[in-house]
N, C-alpha and C. Protein backbone atom coordinates (compact mmCIF):
# COMPACT_ATOMS: atom_id res chain seq x y z
N MET A 1 21.44 7.18 8.12
CA MET A 1 20.35 6.32 7.70
C MET A 1 20.15 6.47 6.20
N SER A 2 19.93 5.35 5.50
CA SER A 2 19.76 5.41 4.05
C SER A 2 18.34 5.83 3.68
N GLN A 3 18.19 6.22 2.43
CA GLN A 3 16.92 6.69 1.89
C GLN A 3 15.91 5.54 1.81
N ILE A 4 14.63 5.87 1.91
CA ILE A 4 13.57 4.88 1.78
C ILE A 4 13.17 4.80 0.31
N HIS A 5 13.09 3.57 -0.21
CA HIS A 5 12.69 3.33 -1.59
C HIS A 5 11.33 2.62 -1.58
N TYR A 6 10.43 3.09 -2.43
CA TYR A 6 9.09 2.53 -2.55
C TYR A 6 9.01 1.83 -3.90
N THR A 7 8.87 0.51 -3.89
CA THR A 7 8.95 -0.24 -5.14
C THR A 7 8.00 -1.43 -5.17
N LEU A 8 7.70 -1.85 -6.38
CA LEU A 8 7.00 -3.09 -6.62
C LEU A 8 8.03 -4.20 -6.41
N LEU A 9 7.69 -5.19 -5.63
CA LEU A 9 8.62 -6.26 -5.31
C LEU A 9 8.66 -7.27 -6.46
N ASP A 10 9.85 -7.56 -6.96
CA ASP A 10 10.01 -8.54 -8.02
C ASP A 10 9.62 -9.93 -7.51
N GLU A 11 9.03 -10.73 -8.38
CA GLU A 11 8.51 -12.04 -7.99
C GLU A 11 9.52 -12.93 -7.25
N PRO A 12 10.79 -12.99 -7.67
CA PRO A 12 11.72 -13.85 -6.92
C PRO A 12 11.91 -13.41 -5.46
N LEU A 13 11.56 -12.15 -5.15
CA LEU A 13 11.74 -11.64 -3.79
C LEU A 13 10.47 -11.71 -2.94
N TRP A 14 9.37 -12.23 -3.50
CA TRP A 14 8.11 -12.30 -2.76
C TRP A 14 8.23 -12.98 -1.39
N PRO A 15 9.03 -14.02 -1.23
CA PRO A 15 9.13 -14.64 0.11
C PRO A 15 9.62 -13.66 1.19
N LEU A 16 10.34 -12.63 0.79
CA LEU A 16 10.81 -11.64 1.77
C LEU A 16 9.65 -10.89 2.43
N MET A 17 8.56 -10.72 1.69
CA MET A 17 7.42 -10.02 2.25
C MET A 17 6.77 -10.84 3.36
N ASN A 18 6.60 -12.13 3.15
CA ASN A 18 6.04 -12.98 4.21
C ASN A 18 7.01 -13.07 5.39
N LYS A 19 8.29 -13.08 5.11
CA LYS A 19 9.29 -13.08 6.19
C LYS A 19 9.15 -11.79 7.01
N PHE A 20 8.93 -10.65 6.35
CA PHE A 20 8.72 -9.37 7.04
C PHE A 20 7.49 -9.44 7.93
N TYR A 21 6.37 -9.93 7.38
CA TYR A 21 5.15 -10.04 8.19
C TYR A 21 5.38 -10.94 9.40
N ARG A 22 6.00 -12.11 9.18
CA ARG A 22 6.25 -13.05 10.30
C ARG A 22 7.16 -12.44 11.36
N ALA A 23 8.17 -11.70 10.93
CA ALA A 23 9.11 -11.10 11.88
C ALA A 23 8.41 -10.14 12.84
N HIS A 24 7.24 -9.64 12.42
CA HIS A 24 6.48 -8.71 13.27
C HIS A 24 5.22 -9.35 13.83
N GLN A 25 5.19 -10.69 13.82
CA GLN A 25 4.05 -11.44 14.33
C GLN A 25 2.72 -10.98 13.72
N SER A 26 2.76 -10.57 12.46
CA SER A 26 1.56 -10.15 11.77
C SER A 26 0.91 -11.37 11.11
N SER A 27 -0.40 -11.41 11.11
CA SER A 27 -1.12 -12.50 10.45
C SER A 27 -1.27 -12.26 8.95
N MET A 28 -0.80 -11.11 8.48
CA MET A 28 -0.91 -10.78 7.06
C MET A 28 -0.02 -11.68 6.23
N LYS A 29 -0.43 -11.84 4.96
CA LYS A 29 0.34 -12.68 4.04
C LYS A 29 0.35 -12.03 2.66
N ALA A 30 1.46 -12.23 1.95
CA ALA A 30 1.56 -11.78 0.57
C ALA A 30 0.64 -12.64 -0.28
N VAL A 31 -0.07 -12.02 -1.20
CA VAL A 31 -1.02 -12.71 -2.06
C VAL A 31 -0.42 -12.81 -3.45
N ARG A 32 -0.30 -14.02 -3.96
CA ARG A 32 0.34 -14.26 -5.26
C ARG A 32 -0.32 -13.50 -6.41
N GLU A 33 -1.62 -13.37 -6.42
CA GLU A 33 -2.33 -12.72 -7.52
C GLU A 33 -2.26 -11.20 -7.44
N ALA A 34 -1.46 -10.68 -6.54
CA ALA A 34 -1.42 -9.24 -6.29
C ALA A 34 -0.11 -8.62 -6.73
N GLN A 35 -0.14 -7.29 -6.80
CA GLN A 35 1.11 -6.54 -6.89
C GLN A 35 1.59 -6.37 -5.45
N LEU A 36 2.83 -6.72 -5.20
CA LEU A 36 3.38 -6.62 -3.85
C LEU A 36 4.28 -5.40 -3.78
N TRP A 37 3.91 -4.44 -2.98
CA TRP A 37 4.63 -3.17 -2.84
C TRP A 37 5.34 -3.12 -1.50
N VAL A 38 6.54 -2.57 -1.50
CA VAL A 38 7.30 -2.46 -0.25
C VAL A 38 7.98 -1.09 -0.16
N ALA A 39 8.23 -0.70 1.08
CA ALA A 39 9.12 0.41 1.38
C ALA A 39 10.36 -0.24 1.96
N ARG A 40 11.52 0.11 1.40
CA ARG A 40 12.78 -0.51 1.84
C ARG A 40 13.77 0.55 2.25
N GLN A 41 14.44 0.26 3.32
CA GLN A 41 15.58 1.03 3.77
C GLN A 41 16.60 -0.04 4.14
N ASP A 42 17.29 -0.52 3.15
CA ASP A 42 18.09 -1.75 3.21
C ASP A 42 17.14 -2.94 3.33
N GLU A 43 16.44 -3.07 4.44
CA GLU A 43 15.46 -4.14 4.64
C GLU A 43 14.05 -3.58 4.39
N ILE A 44 13.08 -4.46 4.27
CA ILE A 44 11.68 -4.04 4.13
C ILE A 44 11.22 -3.44 5.45
N ILE A 45 10.61 -2.26 5.37
CA ILE A 45 10.08 -1.60 6.57
C ILE A 45 8.57 -1.40 6.50
N ALA A 46 7.99 -1.64 5.31
CA ALA A 46 6.54 -1.55 5.15
C ALA A 46 6.15 -2.34 3.90
N ALA A 47 4.91 -2.82 3.89
CA ALA A 47 4.45 -3.63 2.76
C ALA A 47 2.94 -3.51 2.60
N LEU A 48 2.49 -3.79 1.37
CA LEU A 48 1.06 -3.90 1.08
C LEU A 48 0.87 -4.73 -0.17
N CYS A 49 -0.33 -5.28 -0.32
CA CYS A 49 -0.72 -6.04 -1.51
C CYS A 49 -1.82 -5.26 -2.21
N LEU A 50 -1.75 -5.21 -3.53
CA LEU A 50 -2.78 -4.56 -4.34
C LEU A 50 -3.27 -5.61 -5.33
N ARG A 51 -4.44 -6.13 -5.06
CA ARG A 51 -4.96 -7.29 -5.78
C ARG A 51 -6.08 -6.88 -6.74
N PRO A 52 -5.98 -7.27 -8.02
CA PRO A 52 -7.07 -6.96 -8.94
C PRO A 52 -8.33 -7.75 -8.56
N VAL A 53 -9.46 -7.06 -8.56
CA VAL A 53 -10.76 -7.69 -8.32
C VAL A 53 -11.73 -7.09 -9.34
N SER A 54 -12.88 -7.67 -9.44
CA SER A 54 -13.88 -7.21 -10.40
C SER A 54 -14.16 -5.71 -10.23
N GLY A 55 -13.83 -4.93 -11.26
CA GLY A 55 -14.14 -3.51 -11.25
C GLY A 55 -13.10 -2.61 -10.61
N GLY A 56 -12.02 -3.16 -10.09
CA GLY A 56 -11.01 -2.32 -9.45
C GLY A 56 -9.90 -3.13 -8.81
N HIS A 57 -9.41 -2.64 -7.67
CA HIS A 57 -8.33 -3.30 -6.93
C HIS A 57 -8.66 -3.31 -5.45
N TRP A 58 -8.13 -4.31 -4.76
CA TRP A 58 -8.33 -4.46 -3.32
C TRP A 58 -6.99 -4.33 -2.64
N LEU A 59 -6.86 -3.34 -1.76
CA LEU A 59 -5.63 -3.11 -1.00
C LEU A 59 -5.72 -3.91 0.29
N THR A 60 -4.72 -4.78 0.50
CA THR A 60 -4.69 -5.60 1.71
C THR A 60 -3.27 -5.60 2.28
N GLY A 61 -3.15 -6.09 3.48
CA GLY A 61 -1.84 -6.35 4.07
C GLY A 61 -0.96 -5.15 4.32
N LEU A 62 -1.53 -3.96 4.48
CA LEU A 62 -0.69 -2.78 4.77
C LEU A 62 -0.15 -2.92 6.19
N PHE A 63 1.17 -2.94 6.29
CA PHE A 63 1.82 -3.05 7.59
C PHE A 63 3.13 -2.28 7.55
N VAL A 64 3.36 -1.48 8.59
CA VAL A 64 4.61 -0.72 8.73
C VAL A 64 5.31 -1.19 10.00
N ASP A 65 6.59 -1.45 9.89
CA ASP A 65 7.41 -1.82 11.05
C ASP A 65 7.15 -0.78 12.14
N PRO A 66 6.79 -1.20 13.36
CA PRO A 66 6.48 -0.25 14.43
C PRO A 66 7.57 0.81 14.66
N ALA A 67 8.82 0.48 14.42
CA ALA A 67 9.91 1.45 14.62
C ALA A 67 9.88 2.58 13.59
N TYR A 68 9.09 2.42 12.51
CA TYR A 68 9.05 3.42 11.44
C TYR A 68 7.68 4.09 11.30
N ARG A 69 6.80 3.85 12.23
CA ARG A 69 5.45 4.43 12.14
C ARG A 69 5.46 5.92 12.42
N VAL A 70 4.39 6.58 11.99
CA VAL A 70 4.15 8.01 12.18
C VAL A 70 5.22 8.84 11.46
N GLN A 71 5.68 8.35 10.32
CA GLN A 71 6.65 9.08 9.51
C GLN A 71 6.15 9.28 8.08
N GLY A 72 4.89 8.92 7.82
CA GLY A 72 4.32 9.08 6.49
C GLY A 72 4.66 7.96 5.53
N ILE A 73 5.25 6.90 6.02
CA ILE A 73 5.67 5.80 5.15
C ILE A 73 4.47 5.08 4.56
N ALA A 74 3.47 4.79 5.36
CA ALA A 74 2.27 4.11 4.85
C ALA A 74 1.59 4.96 3.78
N ALA A 75 1.47 6.25 4.03
CA ALA A 75 0.83 7.14 3.06
C ALA A 75 1.59 7.15 1.74
N ARG A 76 2.89 7.25 1.80
CA ARG A 76 3.70 7.27 0.58
C ARG A 76 3.63 5.93 -0.15
N LEU A 77 3.62 4.83 0.59
CA LEU A 77 3.53 3.51 -0.02
C LEU A 77 2.18 3.35 -0.74
N ILE A 78 1.11 3.79 -0.11
CA ILE A 78 -0.22 3.74 -0.75
C ILE A 78 -0.20 4.58 -2.02
N ASP A 79 0.32 5.80 -1.94
CA ASP A 79 0.39 6.69 -3.12
C ASP A 79 1.11 6.02 -4.27
N GLU A 80 2.26 5.42 -3.99
CA GLU A 80 3.04 4.77 -5.05
C GLU A 80 2.28 3.58 -5.64
N ALA A 81 1.65 2.80 -4.79
CA ALA A 81 0.96 1.59 -5.25
C ALA A 81 -0.25 1.91 -6.12
N VAL A 82 -0.99 2.95 -5.79
CA VAL A 82 -2.23 3.24 -6.54
C VAL A 82 -2.03 4.23 -7.67
N LYS A 83 -0.83 4.75 -7.81
CA LYS A 83 -0.55 5.79 -8.80
C LYS A 83 -1.03 5.44 -10.21
N GLY A 84 -0.71 4.29 -10.73
CA GLY A 84 -1.06 3.95 -12.09
C GLY A 84 -2.25 3.03 -12.24
N VAL A 85 -3.01 2.86 -11.17
CA VAL A 85 -4.12 1.91 -11.17
C VAL A 85 -5.33 2.52 -11.87
N GLY A 86 -5.92 1.74 -12.76
CA GLY A 86 -7.18 2.17 -13.36
C GLY A 86 -8.33 1.63 -12.54
N GLY A 87 -9.30 2.45 -12.28
CA GLY A 87 -10.45 2.02 -11.50
C GLY A 87 -10.27 2.27 -10.02
N PRO A 88 -11.33 2.03 -9.26
CA PRO A 88 -11.29 2.29 -7.82
C PRO A 88 -10.41 1.29 -7.06
N VAL A 89 -10.03 1.71 -5.86
CA VAL A 89 -9.28 0.85 -4.93
C VAL A 89 -10.11 0.78 -3.65
N TRP A 90 -10.35 -0.44 -3.20
CA TRP A 90 -11.11 -0.65 -1.97
C TRP A 90 -10.23 -1.31 -0.92
N LEU A 91 -10.59 -1.12 0.33
CA LEU A 91 -9.93 -1.81 1.43
C LEU A 91 -10.92 -2.00 2.55
N PHE A 92 -10.63 -2.95 3.41
CA PHE A 92 -11.40 -3.18 4.63
C PHE A 92 -10.47 -2.90 5.79
N CYS A 93 -10.97 -2.19 6.79
CA CYS A 93 -10.13 -1.88 7.94
C CYS A 93 -10.96 -1.79 9.21
N HIS A 94 -10.27 -1.76 10.32
CA HIS A 94 -10.92 -1.55 11.61
C HIS A 94 -11.45 -0.11 11.62
N PRO A 95 -12.61 0.13 12.23
CA PRO A 95 -13.16 1.49 12.26
C PRO A 95 -12.21 2.55 12.82
N ASP A 96 -11.30 2.15 13.72
CA ASP A 96 -10.35 3.11 14.28
C ASP A 96 -9.40 3.69 13.23
N LEU A 97 -9.25 3.01 12.09
CA LEU A 97 -8.33 3.47 11.04
C LEU A 97 -9.02 4.36 9.99
N ARG A 98 -10.30 4.61 10.17
CA ARG A 98 -11.04 5.41 9.19
C ARG A 98 -10.40 6.76 8.93
N GLY A 99 -10.04 7.49 9.98
CA GLY A 99 -9.43 8.82 9.83
C GLY A 99 -8.12 8.77 9.05
N PHE A 100 -7.29 7.76 9.33
CA PHE A 100 -6.03 7.62 8.60
C PHE A 100 -6.30 7.47 7.10
N TYR A 101 -7.21 6.57 6.74
CA TYR A 101 -7.47 6.34 5.32
C TYR A 101 -8.18 7.52 4.67
N GLU A 102 -9.02 8.22 5.41
CA GLU A 102 -9.65 9.43 4.85
C GLU A 102 -8.59 10.48 4.52
N ARG A 103 -7.57 10.59 5.35
CA ARG A 103 -6.48 11.54 5.05
C ARG A 103 -5.70 11.13 3.80
N GLN A 104 -5.79 9.84 3.42
CA GLN A 104 -5.11 9.37 2.20
C GLN A 104 -6.02 9.50 0.98
N GLY A 105 -7.23 10.03 1.18
CA GLY A 105 -8.15 10.23 0.06
C GLY A 105 -9.24 9.18 -0.07
N PHE A 106 -9.27 8.19 0.82
CA PHE A 106 -10.31 7.17 0.78
C PHE A 106 -11.58 7.72 1.38
N SER A 107 -12.72 7.22 0.90
CA SER A 107 -14.01 7.62 1.47
C SER A 107 -14.64 6.41 2.15
N PHE A 108 -15.44 6.70 3.15
CA PHE A 108 -16.11 5.66 3.94
C PHE A 108 -17.32 5.13 3.18
N ASP A 109 -17.56 3.83 3.28
CA ASP A 109 -18.75 3.16 2.78
C ASP A 109 -18.96 3.35 1.28
N PRO A 110 -17.96 2.98 0.47
CA PRO A 110 -18.11 3.11 -0.98
C PRO A 110 -19.06 2.04 -1.53
N VAL A 111 -19.50 2.24 -2.75
CA VAL A 111 -20.26 1.20 -3.45
C VAL A 111 -19.26 0.10 -3.81
N LEU A 112 -19.56 -1.11 -3.36
CA LEU A 112 -18.66 -2.25 -3.59
C LEU A 112 -19.28 -3.21 -4.62
N PRO A 113 -18.43 -3.84 -5.43
CA PRO A 113 -18.95 -4.93 -6.26
C PRO A 113 -19.51 -6.02 -5.34
N TYR A 114 -20.45 -6.80 -5.85
CA TYR A 114 -21.13 -7.81 -5.05
C TYR A 114 -20.15 -8.72 -4.31
N ALA A 115 -19.14 -9.23 -5.03
CA ALA A 115 -18.18 -10.17 -4.40
C ALA A 115 -17.45 -9.51 -3.23
N MET A 116 -17.11 -8.24 -3.37
CA MET A 116 -16.41 -7.53 -2.28
C MET A 116 -17.37 -7.29 -1.11
N ALA A 117 -18.61 -6.94 -1.39
CA ALA A 117 -19.60 -6.72 -0.33
C ALA A 117 -19.83 -8.01 0.45
N GLU A 118 -19.90 -9.14 -0.25
CA GLU A 118 -20.05 -10.43 0.42
C GLU A 118 -18.85 -10.74 1.30
N ARG A 119 -17.66 -10.47 0.80
CA ARG A 119 -16.44 -10.72 1.57
C ARG A 119 -16.44 -9.86 2.84
N LEU A 120 -16.80 -8.59 2.70
CA LEU A 120 -16.87 -7.70 3.87
C LEU A 120 -17.86 -8.24 4.89
N ASN A 121 -19.01 -8.70 4.44
CA ASN A 121 -20.01 -9.26 5.36
C ASN A 121 -19.45 -10.45 6.12
N ARG A 122 -18.71 -11.33 5.44
CA ARG A 122 -18.10 -12.48 6.11
C ARG A 122 -17.08 -12.03 7.15
N TYR A 123 -16.20 -11.10 6.76
CA TYR A 123 -15.16 -10.63 7.69
C TYR A 123 -15.78 -9.94 8.90
N ALA A 124 -16.82 -9.15 8.66
CA ALA A 124 -17.43 -8.36 9.73
C ALA A 124 -18.16 -9.22 10.76
N ARG A 125 -18.39 -10.48 10.45
CA ARG A 125 -19.02 -11.38 11.43
C ARG A 125 -18.11 -11.67 12.60
N SER A 126 -16.78 -11.64 12.35
CA SER A 126 -15.86 -12.03 13.41
C SER A 126 -15.07 -10.87 14.01
N LYS A 127 -15.09 -9.70 13.36
CA LYS A 127 -14.38 -8.55 13.93
C LYS A 127 -14.93 -7.26 13.33
N PRO A 128 -14.75 -6.14 14.03
CA PRO A 128 -15.25 -4.87 13.50
C PRO A 128 -14.50 -4.54 12.19
N MET A 129 -15.25 -4.21 11.14
CA MET A 129 -14.64 -4.00 9.84
C MET A 129 -15.50 -3.02 9.04
N ILE A 130 -14.86 -2.05 8.40
CA ILE A 130 -15.56 -1.13 7.51
C ILE A 130 -14.88 -1.15 6.14
N ALA A 131 -15.60 -0.69 5.14
CA ALA A 131 -15.05 -0.58 3.78
C ALA A 131 -14.71 0.88 3.51
N MET A 132 -13.61 1.07 2.79
CA MET A 132 -13.17 2.39 2.35
C MET A 132 -12.88 2.28 0.85
N GLY A 133 -13.03 3.39 0.12
CA GLY A 133 -12.77 3.35 -1.31
C GLY A 133 -12.05 4.61 -1.78
N LEU A 134 -11.26 4.44 -2.82
CA LEU A 134 -10.49 5.54 -3.40
C LEU A 134 -10.71 5.53 -4.90
N GLU A 135 -11.12 6.65 -5.45
CA GLU A 135 -11.21 6.80 -6.89
C GLU A 135 -9.87 7.35 -7.34
N PRO A 136 -9.25 6.70 -8.33
CA PRO A 136 -7.92 7.16 -8.75
C PRO A 136 -7.97 8.55 -9.36
N LYS A 137 -6.87 9.27 -9.19
CA LYS A 137 -6.74 10.60 -9.78
C LYS A 137 -6.52 10.42 -11.28
N THR A 138 -7.20 11.23 -12.06
CA THR A 138 -7.01 11.14 -13.51
C THR A 138 -5.81 12.00 -13.90
N GLN A 139 -5.02 11.45 -14.82
CA GLN A 139 -3.84 12.19 -15.31
C GLN A 139 -4.32 13.21 -16.33
N SER A 140 -3.86 14.46 -16.19
CA SER A 140 -4.25 15.47 -17.17
C SER A 140 -3.06 16.00 -17.91
């Protein structure tokens, strides 16, 4: 088996991310205004979007191919994506995923910019959803 590479996806390859999501019947979509990060082992095996928003970044679309889960791939992909980010990173997730994100350094119920808080309120009307936040590590 070849090594897993964690990289920012070049713009001409962005359609591959949506193809990956569709192949797994995921409703997630690559967002053009975002940095698109992938884990590849020949093919894409995991993906996420890191979208700039007021005051920080919004992590969306984290998905790992079921055949590659529970191997630390999501954690490593998150680490690579947020490594050079200035400002906080927020995400919305199902409450069952709280423990996973806390192990990645995210905290529950962060202070959100108004636009993000409004978005969370809209999403939470139709499904269980919580906010998590990560303060980036400062380089010393």
